[in-house]
Amino acid sequence: MSRFNETEAALLSRLRELKAKAEMTINLLDLSSPLGDAGFTQGEIMEVLIALEQENFVAFSTGNRLLILKKLPL
């Protein structure tokens, strides 16, 4: 499994732990802190978030928050 795929799986798992769903906002620190503790870099996390944004699953919002646009991928 590539590092991108590992990061994506960890990030999606964390979003599920936070019970993220469409039209909900999540504080980016609630994502990045636990993932950083698990050994993922800020660059790796942002790479996955940008990919999810390009696929219209999430959008960056004001106040260091992430807006969930639709049901997360499996």
Protein backbone atom coordinates (compact mmCIF):
# COMPACT_ATOMS: atom_id res chain seq x y z
CA MET A 1 0.00 0.00 0.00
CA SER A 2 1.37 3.41 -0.94
CA ARG A 3 1.89 6.10 1.66
CA PHE A 4 -0.89 8.17 0.03
CA ASN A 5 -3.31 5.23 0.40
CA GLU A 6 -2.25 4.69 4.02
CA THR A 7 -2.81 8.36 4.79
CA GLU A 8 -6.16 8.37 3.01
CA ALA A 9 -7.33 5.29 4.91
CA ALA A 10 -6.26 6.82 8.24
CA LEU A 11 -7.90 10.15 7.45
CA LEU A 12 -11.18 8.55 6.36
CA SER A 13 -11.12 6.37 9.45
CA ARG A 14 -10.67 9.45 11.63
CA LEU A 15 -13.54 11.23 9.87
CA ARG A 16 -15.74 8.20 10.56
CA GLU A 17 -14.71 8.27 14.23
CA LEU A 18 -15.85 11.89 14.30
CA LYS A 19 -19.14 10.77 12.69
CA ALA A 20 -18.62 13.15 9.77
CA LYS A 21 -21.53 13.43 7.38
CA ALA A 22 -22.73 15.75 4.63
CA GLU A 23 -23.11 19.44 5.54
CA MET A 24 -21.08 19.01 8.73
CA THR A 25 -17.89 20.94 9.50
CA ILE A 26 -14.88 19.42 11.21
CA ASN A 27 -12.05 21.31 12.88
CA LEU A 28 -8.86 20.49 10.97
CA LEU A 29 -6.98 20.14 14.27
CA ASP A 30 -9.30 17.25 15.17
CA LEU A 31 -7.92 15.51 12.09
CA SER A 32 -4.31 16.58 11.95
CA SER A 33 -3.37 16.12 15.61
CA PRO A 34 -4.28 12.40 15.90
CA LEU A 35 -2.91 11.66 12.43
CA GLY A 36 0.31 13.49 13.26
CA ASP A 37 0.60 11.44 16.44
CA ALA A 38 0.19 8.33 14.27
CA GLY A 39 3.23 9.37 12.20
CA PHE A 40 1.67 11.18 9.24
CA THR A 41 3.15 14.51 8.18
CA GLN A 42 1.17 17.69 7.55
CA GLY A 43 2.15 17.42 3.87
CA GLU A 44 0.76 13.89 3.58
CA ILE A 45 -2.48 14.90 5.29
CA MET A 46 -2.91 17.97 3.08
CA GLU A 47 -2.21 15.92 -0.06
CA VAL A 48 -5.14 13.63 0.78
CA LEU A 49 -7.42 16.52 1.78
CA ILE A 50 -6.70 18.30 -1.50
CA ALA A 51 -7.48 15.11 -3.42
CA LEU A 52 -10.77 14.75 -1.54
CA GLU A 53 -11.54 18.40 -2.29
CA GLN A 54 -10.89 17.85 -6.00
CA GLU A 55 -13.33 14.93 -5.90
CA ASN A 56 -15.92 17.22 -4.22
CA PHE A 57 -16.14 15.17 -1.02
CA VAL A 58 -14.92 18.04 1.17
CA ALA A 59 -14.26 21.78 0.95
CA PHE A 60 -11.95 23.96 2.98
CA SER A 61 -13.99 26.38 5.06
CA THR A 62 -13.30 29.41 7.23
CA GLY A 63 -11.92 29.13 10.72
CA ASN A 64 -9.56 26.22 9.96
CA ARG A 65 -12.52 23.93 9.30
CA LEU A 66 -13.37 21.29 6.72
CA LEU A 67 -16.88 21.11 5.27
CA ILE A 68 -18.11 17.63 4.38
CA LEU A 69 -20.01 17.93 1.09
CA LYS A 70 -21.29 14.40 0.59
CA LYS A 71 -21.08 10.87 1.95
CA LEU A 72 -17.48 9.80 2.39
CA PRO A 73 -15.99 7.17 0.07
CA LEU A 74 -15.74 3.63 1.39
